[in-house]
PDB file of all heavy atoms in Angstrom:
ATOM      1  N   ILE A   1    -135.000 -79.343  41.959  1.00  0.00           N
ATOM      2  CA  ILE A   1    -135.380 -79.662  40.593  1.00  0.00           C
ATOM      3  C   ILE A   1    -136.119 -80.986  40.538  1.00  0.00           C
ATOM      4  O   ILE A   1    -135.610 -81.991  40.971  1.00  0.00           O
ATOM      5  CB  ILE A   1    -134.119 -79.713  39.677  1.00  0.00           C
ATOM      6  CG1 ILE A   1    -133.277 -78.430  39.794  1.00  0.00           C
ATOM      7  CG2 ILE A   1    -134.512 -79.985  38.227  1.00  0.00           C
ATOM      8  CD1 ILE A   1    -133.956 -77.159  39.401  1.00  0.00           C
ATOM      9  N   LEU A   2    -137.339 -80.922  39.993  1.00  0.00           N
ATOM     10  CA  LEU A   2    -138.219 -82.144  39.963  1.00  0.00           C
ATOM     11  C   LEU A   2    -138.240 -82.827  38.598  1.00  0.00           C
ATOM     12  O   LEU A   2    -138.123 -84.042  38.514  1.00  0.00           O
ATOM     13  CB  LEU A   2    -139.611 -81.765  40.392  1.00  0.00           C
ATOM     14  CG  LEU A   2    -139.719 -81.119  41.767  1.00  0.00           C
ATOM     15  CD1 LEU A   2    -141.166 -80.677  42.049  1.00  0.00           C
ATOM     16  CD2 LEU A   2    -139.246 -82.098  42.846  1.00  0.00           C
ATOM     17  N   ARG A   3    -138.419 -82.039  37.546  1.00  0.00           N
ATOM     18  CA  ARG A   3    -138.430 -82.641  36.159  1.00  0.00           C
ATOM     19  C   ARG A   3    -138.266 -81.568  35.135  1.00  0.00           C
ATOM     20  O   ARG A   3    -138.528 -80.393  35.387  1.00  0.00           O
ATOM     21  CB  ARG A   3    -139.720 -83.443  35.974  1.00  0.00           C
ATOM     22  CG  ARG A   3    -140.975 -82.637  35.842  1.00  0.00           C
ATOM     23  CD  ARG A   3    -142.190 -83.600  35.586  1.00  0.00           C
ATOM     24  NE  ARG A   3    -143.401 -82.919  35.843  1.00  0.00           N
ATOM     25  CZ  ARG A   3    -144.132 -82.255  34.922  1.00  0.00           C
ATOM     26  NH1 ARG A   3    -143.739 -82.232  33.670  1.00  0.00           N
ATOM     27  NH2 ARG A   3    -145.269 -81.648  35.238  1.00  0.00           N
ATOM     28  N   LYS A   4    -137.839 -82.004  33.984  1.00  0.00           N
ATOM     29  CA  LYS A   4    -137.629 -81.110  32.861  1.00  0.00           C
ATOM     30  C   LYS A   4    -138.959 -80.841  32.159  1.00  0.00           C
ATOM     31  O   LYS A   4    -139.729 -81.755  31.941  1.00  0.00           O
ATOM     32  CB  LYS A   4    -136.624 -81.717  31.854  1.00  0.00           C
ATOM     33  CG  LYS A   4    -136.220 -80.793  30.771  1.00  0.00           C
ATOM     34  CD  LYS A   4    -135.102 -81.399  29.915  1.00  0.00           C
ATOM     35  CE  LYS A   4    -134.578 -80.469  28.912  1.00  0.00           C
ATOM     36  NZ  LYS A   4    -133.434 -81.040  28.163  1.00  0.00           N
ATOM     37  N   LEU A   5    -139.231 -79.557  31.909  1.00  0.00           N
ATOM     38  CA  LEU A   5    -140.429 -79.160  31.200  1.00  0.00           C
ATOM     39  C   LEU A   5    -140.221 -78.866  29.694  1.00  0.00           C
ATOM     40  O   LEU A   5    -141.119 -79.079  28.935  1.00  0.00           O
ATOM     41  CB  LEU A   5    -141.034 -77.917  31.867  1.00  0.00           C
ATOM     42  CG  LEU A   5    -141.460 -78.065  33.325  1.00  0.00           C
ATOM     43  CD1 LEU A   5    -141.941 -76.722  33.879  1.00  0.00           C
ATOM     44  CD2 LEU A   5    -142.636 -79.072  33.401  1.00  0.00           C
ATOM     45  N   GLY A   6    -139.019 -78.419  29.353  1.00  0.00           N
ATOM     46  CA  GLY A   6    -138.771 -78.111  27.962  1.00  0.00           C
ATOM     47  C   GLY A   6    -137.373 -77.477  27.839  1.00  0.00           C
ATOM     48  O   GLY A   6    -136.649 -77.295  28.756  1.00  0.00           O
ATOM     49  N   ALA A   7    -137.075 -77.158  26.511  1.00  0.00           N
ATOM     50  CA  ALA A   7    -135.746 -76.600  26.217  1.00  0.00           C
ATOM     51  C   ALA A   7    -135.905 -75.676  25.017  1.00  0.00           C
ATOM     52  O   ALA A   7    -136.767 -75.899  24.191  1.00  0.00           O
ATOM     53  CB  ALA A   7    -134.714 -77.697  25.976  1.00  0.00           C
ATOM     54  N   GLY A   8    -135.009 -74.731  24.938  1.00  0.00           N
ATOM     55  CA  GLY A   8    -134.957 -73.833  23.800  1.00  0.00           C
ATOM     56  C   GLY A   8    -133.551 -73.377  23.520  1.00  0.00           C
ATOM     57  O   GLY A   8    -132.614 -73.930  24.032  1.00  0.00           O
ATOM     58  N   GLY A   9    -133.438 -72.353  22.722  1.00  0.00           N
ATOM     59  CA  GLY A   9    -132.122 -71.884  22.291  1.00  0.00           C
ATOM     60  C   GLY A   9    -131.320 -71.279  23.429  1.00  0.00           C
ATOM     61  O   GLY A   9    -130.073 -71.348  23.438  1.00  0.00           O
ATOM     62  N   MET A  10    -131.959 -70.647  24.403  1.00  0.00           N
ATOM     63  CA  MET A  10    -131.252 -69.989  25.489  1.00  0.00           C
ATOM     64  C   MET A  10    -131.350 -70.725  26.841  1.00  0.00           C
ATOM     65  O   MET A  10    -130.998 -70.145  27.868  1.00  0.00           O
ATOM     66  CB  MET A  10    -131.747 -68.575  25.663  1.00  0.00           C
ATOM     67  CG  MET A  10    -131.120 -67.594  24.721  1.00  0.00           C
ATOM     68  SD  MET A  10    -129.346 -67.430  24.930  1.00  0.00           S
ATOM     69  CE  MET A  10    -129.266 -66.593  26.501  1.00  0.00           C
ATOM     70  N   GLY A  11    -131.860 -71.951  26.869  1.00  0.00           N
ATOM     71  CA  GLY A  11    -131.850 -72.616  28.152  1.00  0.00           C
ATOM     72  C   GLY A  11    -132.833 -73.757  28.191  1.00  0.00           C
ATOM     73  O   GLY A  11    -133.503 -74.113  27.236  1.00  0.00           O
ATOM     74  N   GLU A  12    -132.845 -74.363  29.398  1.00  0.00           N
ATOM     75  CA  GLU A  12    -133.728 -75.469  29.680  1.00  0.00           C
ATOM     76  C   GLU A  12    -134.629 -75.042  30.850  1.00  0.00           C
ATOM     77  O   GLU A  12    -134.198 -74.317  31.756  1.00  0.00           O
ATOM     78  CB  GLU A  12    -132.916 -76.702  30.082  1.00  0.00           C
ATOM     79  CG  GLU A  12    -132.016 -77.152  28.972  1.00  0.00           C
ATOM     80  CD  GLU A  12    -131.047 -78.251  29.419  1.00  0.00           C
ATOM     81  OE1 GLU A  12    -130.700 -78.321  30.596  1.00  0.00           O
ATOM     82  OE2 GLU A  12    -130.629 -79.026  28.528  1.00  0.00           O
ATOM     83  N   VAL A  13    -135.891 -75.472  30.792  1.00  0.00           N
ATOM     84  CA  VAL A  13    -136.849 -75.126  31.882  1.00  0.00           C
ATOM     85  C   VAL A  13    -137.231 -76.374  32.629  1.00  0.00           C
ATOM     86  O   VAL A  13    -137.538 -77.401  32.053  1.00  0.00           O
ATOM     87  CB  VAL A  13    -138.085 -74.423  31.214  1.00  0.00           C
ATOM     88  CG1 VAL A  13    -139.092 -74.043  32.312  1.00  0.00           C
ATOM     89  CG2 VAL A  13    -137.677 -73.182  30.435  1.00  0.00           C
ATOM     90  N   TYR A  14    -137.222 -76.236  33.960  1.00  0.00           N
ATOM     91  CA  TYR A  14    -137.515 -77.325  34.859  1.00  0.00           C
ATOM     92  C   TYR A  14    -138.642 -76.967  35.841  1.00  0.00           C
ATOM     93  O   TYR A  14    -138.787 -75.785  36.211  1.00  0.00           O
ATOM     94  CB  TYR A  14    -136.256 -77.681  35.710  1.00  0.00           C
ATOM     95  CG  TYR A  14    -135.148 -78.228  34.885  1.00  0.00           C
ATOM     96  CD1 TYR A  14    -134.167 -77.395  34.333  1.00  0.00           C
ATOM     97  CD2 TYR A  14    -135.020 -79.602  34.658  1.00  0.00           C
ATOM     98  CE1 TYR A  14    -133.134 -77.896  33.575  1.00  0.00           C
ATOM     99  CE2 TYR A  14    -133.950 -80.089  33.880  1.00  0.00           C
ATOM    100  CZ  TYR A  14    -133.013 -79.210  33.364  1.00  0.00           C
ATOM    101  OH  TYR A  14    -131.994 -79.724  32.586  1.00  0.00           O
ATOM    102  N   LEU A  15    -139.388 -77.951  36.237  1.00  0.00           N
ATOM    103  CA  LEU A  15    -140.304 -77.818  37.335  1.00  0.00           C
ATOM    104  C   LEU A  15    -139.438 -77.940  38.608  1.00  0.00           C
ATOM    105  O   LEU A  15    -138.634 -78.849  38.698  1.00  0.00           O
ATOM    106  CB  LEU A  15    -141.361 -78.898  37.288  1.00  0.00           C
ATOM    107  CG  LEU A  15    -142.254 -79.031  38.541  1.00  0.00           C
ATOM    108  CD1 LEU A  15    -143.124 -77.810  38.727  1.00  0.00           C
ATOM    109  CD2 LEU A  15    -143.104 -80.271  38.410  1.00  0.00           C
ATOM    110  N   ALA A  16    -139.652 -77.024  39.552  1.00  0.00           N
ATOM    111  CA  ALA A  16    -138.885 -77.076  40.807  1.00  0.00           C
ATOM    112  C   ALA A  16    -139.788 -76.750  41.951  1.00  0.00           C
ATOM    113  O   ALA A  16    -140.824 -76.050  41.781  1.00  0.00           O
ATOM    114  CB  ALA A  16    -137.694 -76.102  40.744  1.00  0.00           C
ATOM    115  N   ARG A  17    -139.382 -77.178  43.117  1.00  0.00           N
ATOM    116  CA  ARG A  17    -140.142 -76.871  44.351  1.00  0.00           C
ATOM    117  C   ARG A  17    -139.319 -75.850  45.108  1.00  0.00           C
ATOM    118  O   ARG A  17    -138.138 -76.048  45.418  1.00  0.00           O
ATOM    119  CB  ARG A  17    -140.295 -78.140  45.145  1.00  0.00           C
ATOM    120  CG  ARG A  17    -141.122 -77.993  46.416  1.00  0.00           C
ATOM    121  CD  ARG A  17    -142.566 -77.895  46.053  1.00  0.00           C
ATOM    122  NE  ARG A  17    -143.332 -77.801  47.275  1.00  0.00           N
ATOM    123  CZ  ARG A  17    -144.581 -77.383  47.283  1.00  0.00           C
ATOM    124  NH1 ARG A  17    -145.177 -77.064  46.171  1.00  0.00           N
ATOM    125  NH2 ARG A  17    -145.221 -77.263  48.404  1.00  0.00           N
ATOM    126  N   ASP A  18    -140.005 -74.725  45.425  1.00  0.00           N
ATOM    127  CA  ASP A  18    -139.376 -73.659  46.226  1.00  0.00           C
ATOM    128  C   ASP A  18    -139.476 -74.082  47.677  1.00  0.00           C
ATOM    129  O   ASP A  18    -140.569 -74.114  48.252  1.00  0.00           O
ATOM    130  CB  ASP A  18    -140.135 -72.360  46.017  1.00  0.00           C
ATOM    131  CG  ASP A  18    -139.542 -71.165  46.747  1.00  0.00           C
ATOM    132  OD1 ASP A  18    -138.904 -71.397  47.807  1.00  0.00           O
ATOM    133  OD2 ASP A  18    -139.728 -70.007  46.279  1.00  0.00           O
ATOM    134  N   GLY A  19    -138.364 -74.448  48.248  1.00  0.00           N
ATOM    135  CA  GLY A  19    -138.302 -74.963  49.640  1.00  0.00           C
ATOM    136  C   GLY A  19    -138.611 -73.922  50.675  1.00  0.00           C
ATOM    137  O   GLY A  19    -139.056 -74.252  51.783  1.00  0.00           O
ATOM    138  N   LYS A  20    -138.397 -72.659  50.378  1.00  0.00           N
ATOM    139  CA  LYS A  20    -138.681 -71.612  51.350  1.00  0.00           C
ATOM    140  C   LYS A  20    -140.175 -71.259  51.381  1.00  0.00           C
ATOM    141  O   LYS A  20    -140.731 -71.060  52.446  1.00  0.00           O
ATOM    142  CB  LYS A  20    -137.885 -70.360  51.011  1.00  0.00           C
ATOM    143  CG  LYS A  20    -136.438 -70.431  51.394  1.00  0.00           C
ATOM    144  CD  LYS A  20    -135.786 -69.101  51.203  1.00  0.00           C
ATOM    145  CE  LYS A  20    -134.354 -69.132  51.676  1.00  0.00           C
ATOM    146  NZ  LYS A  20    -133.690 -67.833  51.572  1.00  0.00           N
ATOM    147  N   LEU A  21    -140.777 -71.182  50.227  1.00  0.00           N
ATOM    148  CA  LEU A  21    -142.199 -70.753  50.144  1.00  0.00           C
ATOM    149  C   LEU A  21    -143.155 -71.871  49.947  1.00  0.00           C
ATOM    150  O   LEU A  21    -144.378 -71.653  49.938  1.00  0.00           O
ATOM    151  CB  LEU A  21    -142.365 -69.661  49.094  1.00  0.00           C
ATOM    152  CG  LEU A  21    -141.580 -68.377  49.353  1.00  0.00           C
ATOM    153  CD1 LEU A  21    -141.729 -67.437  48.181  1.00  0.00           C
ATOM    154  CD2 LEU A  21    -141.976 -67.723  50.622  1.00  0.00           C
ATOM    155  N   GLY A  22    -142.673 -73.086  49.690  1.00  0.00           N
ATOM    156  CA  GLY A  22    -143.513 -74.234  49.537  1.00  0.00           C
ATOM    157  C   GLY A  22    -144.401 -74.189  48.312  1.00  0.00           C
ATOM    158  O   GLY A  22    -145.603 -74.602  48.415  1.00  0.00           O
ATOM    159  N   ARG A  23    -143.869 -73.725  47.221  1.00  0.00           N
ATOM    160  CA  ARG A  23    -144.687 -73.677  45.980  1.00  0.00           C
ATOM    161  C   ARG A  23    -143.842 -74.200  44.832  1.00  0.00           C
ATOM    162  O   ARG A  23    -142.630 -74.169  44.865  1.00  0.00           O
ATOM    163  CB  ARG A  23    -145.134 -72.269  45.679  1.00  0.00           C
ATOM    164  CG  ARG A  23    -143.998 -71.272  45.428  1.00  0.00           C
ATOM    165  CD  ARG A  23    -144.488 -69.887  45.127  1.00  0.00           C
ATOM    166  NE  ARG A  23    -143.357 -68.980  45.087  1.00  0.00           N
ATOM    167  CZ  ARG A  23    -143.490 -67.651  45.020  1.00  0.00           C
ATOM    168  NH1 ARG A  23    -144.689 -67.115  44.964  1.00  0.00           N
ATOM    169  NH2 ARG A  23    -142.441 -66.882  44.958  1.00  0.00           N
ATOM    170  N   ASP A  24    -144.550 -74.655  43.782  1.00  0.00           N
ATOM    171  CA  ASP A  24    -143.871 -75.089  42.563  1.00  0.00           C
ATOM    172  C   ASP A  24    -143.606 -73.881  41.692  1.00  0.00           C
ATOM    173  O   ASP A  24    -144.426 -72.943  41.637  1.00  0.00           O
ATOM    174  CB  ASP A  24    -144.732 -76.078  41.817  1.00  0.00           C
ATOM    175  CG  ASP A  24    -144.783 -77.456  42.492  1.00  0.00           C
ATOM    176  OD1 ASP A  24    -143.934 -77.718  43.358  1.00  0.00           O
ATOM    177  OD2 ASP A  24    -145.704 -78.206  42.203  1.00  0.00           O
ATOM    178  N   VAL A  25    -142.451 -73.848  41.042  1.00  0.00           N
ATOM    179  CA  VAL A  25    -142.042 -72.796  40.157  1.00  0.00           C
ATOM    180  C   VAL A  25    -141.438 -73.411  38.917  1.00  0.00           C
ATOM    181  O   VAL A  25    -141.107 -74.589  38.861  1.00  0.00           O
ATOM    182  CB  VAL A  25    -141.029 -71.849  40.821  1.00  0.00           C
ATOM    183  CG1 VAL A  25    -141.602 -71.181  42.048  1.00  0.00           C
ATOM    184  CG2 VAL A  25    -139.737 -72.604  41.220  1.00  0.00           C
ATOM    185  N   ALA A  26    -141.265 -72.593  37.897  1.00  0.00           N
ATOM    186  CA  ALA A  26    -140.488 -72.980  36.732  1.00  0.00           C
ATOM    187  C   ALA A  26    -139.130 -72.310  36.871  1.00  0.00           C
ATOM    188  O   ALA A  26    -138.973 -71.168  37.259  1.00  0.00           O
ATOM    189  CB  ALA A  26    -141.126 -72.487  35.452  1.00  0.00           C
ATOM    190  N   ILE A  27    -138.058 -73.113  36.594  1.00  0.00           N
ATOM    191  CA  ILE A  27    -136.703 -72.618  36.668  1.00  0.00           C
ATOM    192  C   ILE A  27    -136.082 -72.678  35.284  1.00  0.00           C
ATOM    193  O   ILE A  27    -136.053 -73.760  34.663  1.00  0.00           O
ATOM    194  CB  ILE A  27    -135.823 -73.497  37.601  1.00  0.00           C
ATOM    195  CG1 ILE A  27    -136.372 -73.488  39.032  1.00  0.00           C
ATOM    196  CG2 ILE A  27    -134.359 -73.098  37.578  1.00  0.00           C
ATOM    197  CD1 ILE A  27    -135.945 -72.343  39.856  1.00  0.00           C
ATOM    198  N   LYS A  28    -135.625 -71.550  34.759  1.00  0.00           N
ATOM    199  CA  LYS A  28    -134.941 -71.536  33.473  1.00  0.00           C
ATOM    200  C   LYS A  28    -133.442 -71.514  33.803  1.00  0.00           C
ATOM    201  O   LYS A  28    -132.941 -70.686  34.546  1.00  0.00           O
ATOM    202  CB  LYS A  28    -135.325 -70.330  32.626  1.00  0.00           C
ATOM    203  CG  LYS A  28    -134.671 -70.381  31.253  1.00  0.00           C
ATOM    204  CD  LYS A  28    -135.265 -69.368  30.339  1.00  0.00           C
ATOM    205  CE  LYS A  28    -134.707 -69.512  28.930  1.00  0.00           C
ATOM    206  NZ  LYS A  28    -135.284 -68.506  28.004  1.00  0.00           N
ATOM    207  N   VAL A  29    -132.736 -72.492  33.202  1.00  0.00           N
ATOM    208  CA  VAL A  29    -131.294 -72.668  33.461  1.00  0.00           C
ATOM    209  C   VAL A  29    -130.496 -72.446  32.171  1.00  0.00           C
ATOM    210  O   VAL A  29    -130.863 -72.971  31.114  1.00  0.00           O
ATOM    211  CB  VAL A  29    -131.032 -74.104  33.982  1.00  0.00           C
ATOM    212  CG1 VAL A  29    -129.567 -74.339  34.138  1.00  0.00           C
ATOM    213  CG2 VAL A  29    -131.773 -74.314  35.293  1.00  0.00           C
TER     214      VAL A  29
END
C-alpha cells in the first residue's frame, strides 16, 4: 500500500504496488 486515492460508502481505495507482477494497481478495501 503506497497512498490513499479516495473513499466512499463501501470502502477506501489505495494505490498499491503488485510485488509479483511489478505494476501499480488500485486496491479497494
